[in-house]
Structure formats: C-alpha cells, structure tokens
Protein backbone atom coordinates (compact mmCIF):
# COMPACT_ATOMS: atom_id res chain seq x y z
CA MET A 1 -9.32 22.41 -20.70
CA SER A 2 -12.13 23.87 -23.21
CA ARG A 3 -14.64 24.38 -20.92
CA PRO A 4 -14.68 24.97 -17.15
CA LEU A 5 -14.73 21.73 -14.39
CA HIS A 6 -16.19 20.74 -11.91
CA ILE A 7 -14.12 19.47 -9.70
CA HIS A 8 -14.34 18.42 -5.77
CA LEU A 9 -12.12 17.83 -2.88
CA VAL A 10 -12.39 15.51 -0.46
CA ALA A 11 -10.54 16.00 2.38
CA VAL A 12 -9.54 19.85 1.40
CA CYS A 13 -8.57 21.52 5.02
CA GLY A 14 -5.25 19.66 4.23
CA THR A 15 -2.54 21.95 3.44
CA GLY A 16 -1.60 20.89 0.52
CA MET A 17 -5.20 19.93 -0.46
CA GLY A 18 -6.25 23.61 0.52
CA ALA A 19 -3.22 24.76 -2.24
CA LEU A 20 -4.49 22.88 -4.72
CA ALA A 21 -8.58 23.87 -4.71
CA VAL A 22 -6.82 27.83 -4.89
CA MET A 23 -4.81 26.82 -7.43
CA LEU A 24 -7.51 25.44 -9.61
CA LYS A 25 -10.32 27.82 -8.81
CA SER A 26 -7.81 30.26 -10.54
CA LEU A 27 -7.35 28.43 -13.88
CA GLY A 28 -11.33 29.40 -14.02
CA HIS A 29 -12.73 25.86 -12.91
CA ARG A 30 -15.64 25.47 -10.36
CA VAL A 31 -14.48 24.47 -6.58
CA THR A 32 -16.33 22.82 -4.44
CA GLY A 33 -14.72 21.00 -1.24
CA SER A 34 -15.35 18.78 2.08
CA ASP A 35 -13.86 17.70 5.42
CA GLU A 36 -14.53 16.74 8.85
CA ASN A 37 -12.56 19.14 10.48
CA VAL A 38 -13.10 22.78 8.85
CA TYR A 39 -11.42 25.15 11.25
CA PRO A 40 -8.76 28.70 10.06
CA PRO A 41 -6.11 28.80 9.02
CA MET A 42 -7.15 26.62 5.30
CA SER A 43 -10.99 27.41 6.27
CA THR A 44 -10.57 31.42 6.24
CA VAL A 45 -8.30 30.79 3.10
CA LEU A 46 -10.98 28.61 1.06
CA SER A 47 -13.81 31.39 2.31
CA GLU A 48 -11.84 34.11 1.05
CA GLN A 49 -11.42 32.37 -2.46
CA GLN A 50 -15.26 31.75 -2.22
CA ILE A 51 -14.65 28.08 -2.94
CA PRO A 52 -17.61 26.02 -0.79
CA VAL A 53 -16.77 23.71 2.22
CA PHE A 54 -18.81 20.81 3.49
CA GLU A 55 -18.37 20.30 6.62
CA GLY A 56 -18.49 16.69 7.14
CA PHE A 57 -18.27 13.88 4.42
CA SER A 58 -21.70 12.92 2.62
CA ALA A 59 -22.76 10.86 -0.80
CA ALA A 60 -25.15 14.10 -1.14
CA ASN A 61 -21.92 16.68 -0.96
CA LEU A 62 -21.23 14.85 -5.07
CA ASP A 63 -24.45 16.07 -6.12
CA PRO A 64 -24.56 17.93 -8.49
CA ARG A 65 -22.15 14.95 -10.06
CA PRO A 66 -18.57 16.67 -10.22
CA ASP A 67 -16.48 15.89 -13.54
CA LEU A 68 -13.27 15.37 -11.51
CA VAL A 69 -13.44 14.39 -7.66
CA VAL A 70 -10.19 14.85 -6.11
CA ILE A 71 -9.28 12.36 -3.07
CA GLY A 72 -7.09 13.18 -0.74
CA ASN A 73 -4.44 10.86 1.21
CA ALA A 74 -6.12 11.18 4.56
CA VAL A 75 -8.96 9.27 3.10
CA SER A 76 -9.59 6.03 3.28
CA ARG A 77 -12.32 3.08 2.17
CA GLY A 78 -15.12 3.58 3.93
CA ASN A 79 -15.83 7.29 3.48
CA PRO A 80 -19.30 7.78 2.07
CA GLU A 81 -17.62 9.92 -1.00
CA ALA A 82 -15.07 7.51 -2.04
CA GLU A 83 -17.54 4.82 -1.83
CA ALA A 84 -20.19 6.76 -4.26
CA VAL A 85 -17.12 7.70 -6.29
CA LEU A 86 -16.53 4.55 -6.99
CA GLU A 87 -19.83 2.99 -7.48
CA LEU A 88 -20.65 5.88 -9.59
CA LYS A 89 -18.25 5.77 -11.77
CA ILE A 90 -16.83 9.22 -11.31
CA ARG A 91 -13.59 10.44 -12.39
CA TYR A 92 -10.92 10.57 -9.72
CA ALA A 93 -7.62 11.54 -8.83
CA SER A 94 -4.86 11.64 -5.73
CA MET A 95 -3.53 14.97 -5.35
CA PRO A 96 0.02 14.86 -6.73
CA GLU A 97 -1.76 13.27 -9.80
CA THR A 98 -4.40 16.41 -10.59
CA LEU A 99 -1.39 18.68 -9.61
CA LYS A 100 0.64 16.66 -12.47
CA SER A 101 -2.17 16.71 -15.01
CA PHE A 102 -2.97 20.56 -14.53
CA PHE A 103 0.11 22.30 -13.76
CA LEU A 104 3.63 20.51 -14.34
CA TRP A 105 3.99 19.70 -18.11
CA GLU A 106 4.21 23.06 -19.29
CA ARG A 107 6.32 23.72 -17.32
CA LYS A 108 9.82 22.49 -15.54
CA SER A 109 9.31 21.29 -11.52
CA ILE A 110 11.83 21.97 -9.08
CA ILE A 111 11.25 19.39 -6.02
CA VAL A 112 12.53 19.40 -2.23
CA ALA A 113 12.73 16.01 -0.88
CA GLY A 114 14.03 14.47 2.24
CA THR A 115 13.08 13.17 5.48
CA HIS A 116 14.44 16.32 7.16
CA GLY A 117 14.11 19.95 5.95
CA LYS A 118 12.12 19.95 2.97
CA THR A 119 9.40 22.59 3.68
CA THR A 120 12.29 24.78 5.22
CA THR A 121 14.41 24.62 2.19
CA THR A 122 11.27 24.87 -0.24
CA ALA A 123 9.60 27.72 1.06
CA MET A 124 13.38 29.94 1.03
CA LEU A 125 13.66 28.89 -2.30
CA ALA A 126 10.04 29.76 -3.36
CA TRP A 127 11.17 33.08 -1.90
CA VAL A 128 14.61 33.60 -3.09
CA LEU A 129 13.31 32.73 -6.49
CA THR A 130 10.57 35.85 -6.15
CA GLU A 131 12.58 38.21 -4.81
CA ALA A 132 14.28 37.64 -8.32
CA GLY A 133 11.76 38.39 -10.41
CA LEU A 134 11.10 34.98 -11.76
CA ASP A 135 7.85 34.35 -10.01
CA PRO A 136 7.47 30.87 -9.54
CA SER A 137 4.62 29.02 -8.83
CA TYR A 138 5.19 26.73 -5.38
CA ILE A 139 3.25 24.44 -2.77
CA VAL A 140 4.98 24.52 0.43
CA GLY A 141 3.96 21.99 3.23
CA GLY A 142 3.81 25.13 5.86
CA VAL A 143 3.62 28.61 5.91
CA PRO A 144 5.81 31.10 5.42
CA VAL A 145 6.28 34.18 8.46
CA GLY A 146 4.18 37.46 6.62
CA TRP A 147 3.15 34.97 3.29
CA GLN A 148 -0.65 34.20 3.61
CA SER A 149 -0.31 30.93 2.46
CA GLY A 150 2.51 28.50 1.66
CA ALA A 151 0.97 28.05 -2.34
CA ARG A 152 1.07 30.34 -5.18
CA LEU A 153 0.43 30.15 -8.60
CA GLY A 154 3.23 32.49 -10.79
CA SER A 155 3.36 33.68 -14.53
CA GLY A 156 6.81 31.84 -14.61
CA ASP A 157 8.08 28.62 -15.89
CA LEU A 158 9.39 27.40 -12.66
CA PHE A 159 7.02 25.14 -10.24
CA ILE A 160 9.10 24.37 -6.77
CA LEU A 161 7.11 21.11 -4.76
CA GLU A 162 7.57 20.01 -1.64
CA GLY A 163 8.27 16.55 -2.76
CA ASP A 164 6.50 13.83 -0.25
CA GLU A 165 7.65 10.82 0.09
CA TYR A 166 4.06 9.82 1.64
CA ASP A 167 1.58 7.55 -0.47
CA SER A 168 -0.43 9.44 -2.48
CA ALA A 169 -3.90 8.11 -2.01
CA PHE A 170 -5.74 4.92 -0.88
CA PHE A 171 -5.92 3.52 -4.11
CA ASP A 172 -2.30 4.55 -5.21
CA LYS A 173 0.37 4.28 -2.57
CA ARG A 174 3.12 5.53 -4.39
CA ALA A 175 5.49 7.68 -3.01
CA LYS A 176 3.65 11.67 -4.14
CA PHE A 177 7.01 12.83 -5.69
CA LEU A 178 6.91 10.60 -8.10
CA HIS A 179 4.16 12.50 -9.83
CA TYR A 180 5.80 15.64 -10.20
CA LEU A 181 7.62 15.01 -13.35
CA PRO A 182 10.82 16.39 -11.94
CA ASP A 183 13.65 18.50 -14.19
CA THR A 184 15.75 19.64 -10.79
CA VAL A 185 15.51 17.49 -7.40
CA ILE A 186 16.94 18.58 -4.13
CA ILE A 187 17.24 16.35 -1.54
CA ASN A 188 18.02 16.98 1.75
CA ASN A 189 19.14 13.79 3.66
CA VAL A 190 17.48 9.83 3.60
CA GLU A 191 16.48 8.44 7.22
CA PHE A 192 13.72 6.29 8.43
CA ASP A 193 9.97 8.27 9.02
CA HIS A 194 6.38 6.98 7.90
CA ALA A 195 6.35 4.00 10.00
CA ASP A 196 2.91 3.16 9.14
CA ILE A 197 3.27 2.81 5.51
CA TYR A 198 7.16 1.83 4.86
CA ASP A 199 8.81 -1.47 6.96
CA SER A 200 12.11 -0.25 6.70
CA ILE A 201 14.50 2.14 5.48
CA ASP A 202 15.35 0.28 1.87
CA GLU A 203 11.74 0.06 1.57
CA ILE A 204 12.09 4.27 1.41
CA ALA A 205 15.80 4.71 -0.56
CA LEU A 206 14.11 2.88 -3.25
CA SER A 207 10.86 5.65 -3.22
CA PHE A 208 13.92 8.40 -3.64
CA ARG A 209 15.92 6.14 -6.15
CA ARG A 210 12.43 5.80 -8.07
CA LEU A 211 12.46 9.49 -7.78
CA VAL A 212 16.38 10.09 -9.30
CA ASN A 213 15.76 7.69 -12.23
CA ILE A 214 12.83 10.18 -13.90
CA ILE A 215 15.54 13.42 -13.81
CA PRO A 216 16.24 13.71 -16.91
CA LYS A 217 19.35 13.73 -18.40
CA ASN A 218 19.91 17.64 -18.27
CA GLY A 219 18.40 17.77 -15.21
CA LEU A 220 19.87 18.82 -11.92
CA LEU A 221 20.21 16.45 -8.36
CA ILE A 222 21.26 18.41 -5.68
CA GLY A 223 22.02 16.90 -2.46
CA PRO A 224 24.78 16.42 0.41
CA GLU A 225 28.03 15.40 0.16
CA ASP A 226 28.20 13.52 3.50
CA ASP A 227 25.19 11.95 3.69
CA GLU A 228 26.28 7.78 2.07
CA ARG A 229 22.27 7.56 1.38
CA VAL A 230 22.01 10.56 -0.82
CA LEU A 231 25.17 9.91 -2.35
CA THR A 232 24.35 6.32 -2.95
CA LEU A 233 21.21 7.87 -4.84
CA ALA A 234 23.33 10.11 -6.45
CA SER A 235 25.90 7.34 -8.27
CA HIS A 236 22.46 5.66 -9.99
CA ALA A 237 21.20 9.09 -11.65
CA HIS A 238 21.81 10.24 -15.31
CA CYS A 239 22.06 14.17 -14.64
CA ALA A 240 24.20 16.25 -13.54
CA VAL A 241 24.73 16.40 -9.71
CA HIS A 242 25.85 18.82 -6.88
CA THR A 243 27.06 18.14 -3.96
CA LEU A 244 27.04 20.77 -0.55
CA GLY A 245 28.82 20.32 2.67
CA MET A 246 30.81 22.19 5.37
CA SER A 247 34.08 20.69 3.91
CA SER A 248 36.02 21.74 0.51
CA SER A 249 35.04 18.76 -1.75
CA ALA A 250 31.77 19.77 -2.26
CA ARG A 251 30.74 21.34 -4.90
CA TRP A 252 29.01 24.11 -2.99
CA SER A 253 30.39 24.35 0.45
CA ALA A 254 29.70 26.24 3.42
CA ARG A 255 32.81 27.46 5.86
CA ASN A 256 33.86 29.75 8.61
CA VAL A 257 30.10 29.87 9.84
CA SER A 258 29.60 31.94 12.59
CA PHE A 259 26.15 32.56 14.74
CA ASP A 260 24.42 34.91 16.46
CA PRO A 261 21.07 35.66 18.22
CA GLY A 262 20.05 37.60 14.54
CA GLY A 263 21.39 34.67 12.36
CA THR A 264 23.68 32.95 10.41
CA SER A 265 26.26 33.86 8.01
CA PHE A 266 29.13 32.25 6.12
CA ASP A 267 31.63 32.33 3.10
CA LEU A 268 30.21 30.31 0.15
CA TYR A 269 32.58 28.69 -2.00
CA GLU A 270 31.74 27.31 -5.15
CA ARG A 271 34.75 24.02 -5.29
CA ASP A 272 37.75 26.22 -4.44
CA GLU A 273 36.53 29.84 -5.73
CA HIS A 274 34.95 32.26 -2.54
CA ARG A 275 31.57 33.59 -4.67
CA ALA A 276 30.14 35.79 -1.51
CA ARG A 277 29.67 36.59 2.19
CA LEU A 278 25.96 35.17 3.45
CA SER A 279 23.67 35.57 5.61
CA THR A 280 20.03 34.38 6.90
CA ASP A 281 17.98 35.13 9.92
CA GLN A 282 17.90 31.03 9.79
CA LEU A 283 19.41 29.60 12.40
CA GLY A 284 21.70 26.11 13.18
CA ASP A 285 23.97 24.08 10.61
CA HIS A 286 20.52 22.53 9.35
CA ASN A 287 19.85 25.47 7.92
CA VAL A 288 23.11 26.47 6.42
CA ARG A 289 22.48 23.30 4.26
CA ASN A 290 19.13 24.73 3.56
CA ALA A 291 20.27 27.54 2.70
CA LEU A 292 23.62 26.01 0.20
CA ALA A 293 20.83 23.73 -1.67
CA VAL A 294 19.01 26.63 -2.34
CA ILE A 295 21.49 28.31 -4.07
CA ALA A 296 22.66 25.79 -6.26
CA ALA A 297 19.10 25.70 -7.61
CA ALA A 298 18.99 29.29 -7.81
CA ARG A 299 22.07 29.66 -9.45
CA HIS A 300 21.14 26.33 -12.08
CA TYR A 301 18.39 28.89 -12.98
CA GLY A 302 20.10 31.84 -13.28
CA VAL A 303 19.44 33.98 -10.19
CA SER A 304 22.36 36.61 -9.74
CA TRP A 305 24.87 36.75 -6.48
CA PRO A 306 23.24 40.37 -5.98
CA ASP A 307 19.80 38.41 -5.92
CA LEU A 308 20.41 35.82 -4.45
CA ALA A 309 22.03 37.39 -1.26
CA ARG A 310 19.26 39.48 -0.81
CA GLY A 311 16.92 37.30 -0.87
CA LEU A 312 18.46 34.84 1.33
CA ALA A 313 19.28 37.81 4.02
CA SER A 314 15.57 38.73 4.02
CA PHE A 315 13.37 35.75 4.42
CA PRO A 316 11.32 35.54 7.06
CA GLY A 317 11.39 31.80 7.74
CA VAL A 318 8.42 29.34 8.53
CA LYS A 319 5.72 29.19 10.87
CA ARG A 320 6.59 26.14 13.76
CA ARG A 321 10.14 26.20 11.96
CA LEU A 322 11.69 27.74 15.34
CA GLU A 323 9.14 30.47 15.38
CA VAL A 324 8.87 32.88 18.38
CA ARG A 325 5.22 32.82 19.17
CA GLY A 326 6.15 35.51 21.89
CA GLU A 327 8.17 36.71 25.03
CA VAL A 328 6.74 36.80 28.62
CA ASN A 329 8.12 38.39 31.36
CA GLY A 330 10.90 37.32 30.02
CA ILE A 331 10.68 34.16 28.96
CA THR A 332 10.85 33.23 25.01
CA VAL A 333 8.38 30.62 23.25
CA TYR A 334 8.91 29.07 20.46
CA ASP A 335 6.96 26.44 18.19
CA ASP A 336 9.11 23.85 16.17
CA PHE A 337 7.72 21.17 13.73
CA ALA A 338 10.47 18.69 15.37
CA HIS A 339 9.48 15.47 15.59
CA HIS A 340 12.20 12.95 14.45
CA PRO A 341 14.90 12.83 16.76
CA THR A 342 17.29 13.85 14.59
CA ALA A 343 14.38 17.10 13.90
CA VAL A 344 14.55 17.33 17.90
CA ARG A 345 18.17 17.23 18.23
CA ALA A 346 18.59 19.91 15.00
CA THR A 347 16.44 22.32 17.03
CA LEU A 348 18.06 22.53 20.46
CA ASP A 349 21.36 22.36 18.84
CA ALA A 350 20.61 25.86 16.47
CA LEU A 351 19.36 27.67 19.59
CA SER A 352 22.48 26.28 21.81
CA LYS A 353 24.56 27.85 19.40
CA VAL A 354 23.07 31.57 19.07
CA ALA A 355 21.10 32.80 22.58
CA PRO A 356 22.73 32.52 26.12
CA CYS A 357 19.67 31.59 28.26
CA ARG A 358 19.49 30.39 31.54
CA ARG A 359 17.57 27.36 31.23
CA THR A 360 16.10 25.50 27.78
CA TRP A 361 12.57 23.65 28.54
CA ALA A 362 12.40 21.47 25.57
CA VAL A 363 8.33 19.90 25.62
CA PHE A 364 7.39 16.97 23.55
CA GLU A 365 4.58 15.27 22.33
CA PRO A 366 4.84 12.32 21.05
CA ARG A 367 2.29 12.72 18.12
CA SER A 368 3.22 11.37 14.57
CA ALA A 369 2.25 7.65 12.79
CA THR A 370 5.78 7.18 13.75
CA THR A 371 6.42 8.61 17.34
CA ILE A 372 3.57 7.26 18.90
CA ARG A 373 5.35 3.54 17.75
CA ARG A 374 8.64 2.55 19.17
CA THR A 375 10.22 3.13 16.03
CA PHE A 376 12.20 5.53 18.01
CA GLN A 377 11.95 4.55 21.81
CA ASP A 378 15.69 4.99 21.69
CA ALA A 379 16.98 7.78 19.73
CA TYR A 380 14.77 9.93 21.19
CA ALA A 381 16.93 9.73 24.34
CA THR A 382 19.70 11.03 23.29
CA ALA A 383 17.68 13.56 21.02
CA PHE A 384 17.53 16.02 24.32
CA ASP A 385 21.21 16.53 25.19
CA GLN A 386 20.66 20.27 24.85
CA ALA A 387 18.10 20.70 26.94
CA ASP A 388 17.87 22.05 30.70
CA ARG A 389 14.74 20.39 31.29
CA VAL A 390 12.67 17.75 29.98
CA LEU A 391 8.88 17.43 29.85
CA ILE A 392 7.18 14.90 27.97
CA ALA A 393 3.60 14.63 26.69
CA PRO A 394 1.43 11.86 26.74
CA VAL A 395 1.39 10.23 23.48
CA TYR A 396 -1.45 11.78 21.04
CA LEU A 397 -3.98 8.66 20.19
CA PRO A 398 -2.19 5.47 21.26
CA GLU A 399 -4.47 3.44 19.81
CA LYS A 400 -3.78 4.58 16.35
CA ALA A 401 -0.17 1.94 17.09
CA PRO A 402 -0.57 -1.71 17.28
CA PRO A 403 -0.95 -2.53 20.97
CA GLY A 404 2.47 -3.65 20.99
CA ASN A 405 4.70 -1.45 19.23
CA ARG A 406 3.46 1.81 21.25
CA PHE A 407 5.82 4.43 22.35
CA SER A 408 6.45 4.58 25.87
CA VAL A 409 6.39 8.09 27.85
CA GLU A 410 7.96 6.52 30.85
CA GLU A 411 10.69 4.98 29.30
CA LEU A 412 11.77 8.12 27.99
CA VAL A 413 12.24 9.60 30.85
CA ALA A 414 13.86 7.16 32.82
CA GLY A 415 16.46 7.11 29.98
CA LEU A 416 16.62 11.10 29.44
CA ARG A 417 17.49 10.65 33.66
CA GLU A 418 20.10 7.76 33.08
CA ARG A 419 21.80 10.33 30.63
CA GLY A 420 21.92 13.21 33.93
CA VAL A 421 18.63 14.85 31.62
CA ASP A 422 15.91 16.33 34.07
CA ALA A 423 12.52 14.89 32.78
CA GLU A 424 9.16 14.27 33.64
CA ALA A 425 5.38 13.41 31.98
CA PRO A 426 2.99 15.38 33.16
CA GLY A 427 -0.10 13.78 32.77
CA ASN A 428 -1.63 16.34 30.51
CA VAL A 429 -1.21 19.82 28.67
CA GLU A 430 -2.85 21.70 31.86
CA GLN A 431 -0.14 20.25 33.55
CA ILE A 432 2.63 21.27 31.79
CA VAL A 433 1.50 24.36 31.64
CA TRP A 434 1.15 24.82 35.23
CA ARG A 435 4.42 23.65 36.00
CA LEU A 436 5.94 26.11 33.23
CA ALA A 437 4.03 28.15 34.69
CA GLY A 438 5.43 27.96 38.34
CA GLN A 439 9.03 26.77 37.28
CA ALA A 440 9.87 28.92 34.11
CA GLU A 441 12.09 32.62 35.63
CA PRO A 442 12.84 34.95 33.79
CA GLY A 443 15.77 34.42 30.95
CA ASP A 444 14.72 30.71 30.09
CA ARG A 445 13.48 29.83 27.11
CA ILE A 446 10.54 27.04 26.35
CA VAL A 447 10.12 25.38 22.83
CA PHE A 448 7.04 22.98 22.03
CA MET A 449 7.68 20.47 20.10
CA SER A 450 4.96 18.60 18.47
CA ASN A 451 3.60 17.98 14.68
CA GLY A 452 0.26 19.21 15.64
CA GLY A 453 -1.62 21.75 17.65
CA PHE A 454 -0.39 20.08 21.06
CA GLY A 455 -3.76 20.59 22.19
CA GLY A 456 -2.99 24.87 22.15
CA ILE A 457 -0.27 24.71 24.74
CA HIS A 458 1.70 27.51 23.19
CA GLU A 459 -1.24 30.34 24.13
CA LYS A 460 -1.93 28.11 27.50
CA THR A 461 1.50 28.58 28.81
CA MET A 462 1.30 32.50 27.44
CA ASN A 463 -2.10 33.14 29.16
CA MET A 464 -1.00 31.17 32.55
CA LEU A 465 2.38 32.90 32.26
CA GLU A 466 1.09 36.80 31.78
CA ARG A 467 -1.90 36.49 34.71
CA GLY A 468 0.03 33.44 37.15
CA ARG A 469 -0.69 30.21 37.37
CA ALA A 470 -4.12 28.83 39.02
CA ALA A 471 -4.54 25.68 40.74
CA GLU A 472 -3.06 22.85 40.16
CA PRO A 473 -4.83 20.88 37.48
CA GLY A 474 -6.23 17.54 38.14
C-alpha cells in the first residue's frame, strides 16, 4: 500500500478477526474495531496492540470514514455498522477476503481443513515450522499453550491457516478456505456439521471439492487413506497426493503406537522405510493422525528429521483441547472443545488409553449451531461409552434452533441409560457443580466438553471441590 489505511473491523473480538486486526496493525495501518462482547483474552490482546475497540455497534463508530471495513461472519443484516457501510458505500470485505488481499498473494499458503482436528494440526504445524527456523506466519483458531496469541506475522514465505468450511460473511456465502490461495492442503476428515448453513453432507463435500480444485499442479494434498470422502476428493486433485494412516498402504504411516500418561510415541514409516521413532505429548489416535499430517507438510517444506522430532516432542498443545485445568483433592479437571459426536468419542477414547483412574465424568453442553438441533440426536447416545458418569447440561439458547428441530437432553439421557451408561441431566450449571463437588472422589477425572464458555463451570467446580459444597442450589 502506498499509504497507511484506516481499517475498521466489525465484530473484532472473534479469534480470527482479532488476529487479523493485530496483523493489519503490524503492517502500519490504523486499525479500529467494535464488538458487543469486549472481554479477555481478546480485549487484552487488542489493548496491548493499542487497537481502539468500541463496545457496541453504532454507525458513529464509522466516523471518521474508514478506508476499509472488514465485516465478520457473525454480523448479519440489521447490524447498524453493516447497514451504514451499505448505505454510505464504504469499501467492505470479509475476513478471509482481507487476509488474501493483504497477506497471501506473496506467500505460500498451507491450509489445514476438515471437520475435526483443524486447530490442533494447525498449531502443531506452526510450532514445528517455527522451531525449525522457517518463521512462518499463521492463524490458528485457538491459542496454543504458552503462546500469547494464535496468530503471528513471520518473516518467512509460508502462511499456515486454519481452513474453515463455514461461510465468509452475510454477503459472501462461500466457505472461508476458498479465499486462501492454497499451495498445500491438509484435509483431516469430512463429516456433516454446521447444520445452520449446510443441508447435507453432499453440500459440505462440494465446498471441499472446490478447495481441492484450486490447488495448483505443483501443490500438495494431504489426507487419510481410510476416509472415503477424502479419497474421493483426492481423486479429483490436479496435484500430488500424500496419504496418511496406520497401515503400510499409506504414504506416511504410524506403527507400533504406544500410549502412556505422558503422551504418545510411534514408529514413522514413509512407504516401507522406517524413518524415526517419534513422540508427542498429545493423547489419542486422532492426535497421531494430526501428527502424521504435520510430518507430511513439514517434510514437503524441507524440515529435517532432527528438527521434526524436536518440534513434535516439544509441542505443548492447544488450550481447550484436553487441557488440564487443574487438580483438586486428587480429582483432575479437563477442558475440551469437543461438541461433534466423533470428537466426543475421540476425547473420551484418548483418556481411556493413557491414564488409569477411578471414574471418568463426562460433562457435556449442547451449544454449537448443529448440536442444539436434532442432527446428531441418535449419534450422541453412542459417543459416551468410555465414560463412567455422564452429566448433560441444558441446551444453550435452544430458541436459536427451529422449534421442530431442537435437541432433546431428556432423550439423550434415556438413550445413554439404555446402553447402561450412568447419565443424568441437572437443570443448570450450578446443579452440575454441586453434584460433582459431592460425588467426585480422589482418583476421578472430570472432562468438560463444550464449544463455549460453559458458564465458567471449570473454575466453579474446582472452587467448590476445594472448599466443599454448600447447600443444594434450586
């Protein structure tokens, strides 16, 4: 740009929007933002970067007139700033479109996509490439443990992006990842999700097909050998394809996998050639697959075997991905982002393989746009088999789901009990905390699963476990 621009971001406190604001500021632009919910950690990050944030949306926030307004995908028609932008014909763009315009044309993009595992795989790859000295740029949809932010503008020519199939903005219904000019694409898996914008798995697969279709011939597609939808996508690729998995038929395979409380180790094979014995602190089969995708991408960009081994071994994980929040009186409390049935199952399976315990308590909040619908009503009944006790919280904002298509907590509890799972549905967060504080015992572990804040249940539970429970809440 010939001169610094004034760029205003509407809904700036989202993970991706906040990261974009910081990156734009690092280019020397004047950046402002607005949001309804201005709170840590993003408010702290923006304040430290001296990015002014207006609390609440108002047309007055666009005075003086910005050169560009970036509108987040959480913003809809009726938002006063969006309406003012349209009326005044202020130049506007979506978040992914802005990323492309300002950062991606001059860099090589590595996109990590798929229904599950995007955040961990993106963060792991960013960590490995950074530790190897490539100094990549990255945007991760979560915050890696020990990092201040999930985004950074590096000096290298690689840009690692968590590729979301969700739509870009109210005025651009294409998947975000279609803006990202891919050179290398990782697709971990493809399942149905986002029932608020997709009607079928075929619609989701079509978005991924469009992504694969724009990988250049000298690019690379990385995906599992045992996911039929990913293999179908790969059959349409115009570039090289590297498969990964647990069997010898994959280009990159993990064999002799072992789990222990400290993490996971495995023998890495490239085709039939043993390359290394590798270790990671991350737990579960799903994280072995995430690591294989990272290995394939890192080797493609020249990372040495010693650097790769060191990077994987030192990766500290991502907050809210089987994150240990604390231990109180011998009871370990975990926080996990799992909300899709497949992710719930993988989380509980990972715990079951590594750390022996007295009982596993699974505490689940139906919160995502898909989970509050009946889309996975039956599938959840089989997702909790590895738990000893299950507590299901009330549906978060059930009115956001169509009246005839709302998730039933009572039906899920009945389905779990039919399978012999000890399940119940306390009426609110306070009642869940009270039950846990009274019934959890030393040697138990509690894993909270939600894609939101869950009413601060983690701290509330640990506080009550420590001081003893009070009178039963109403």
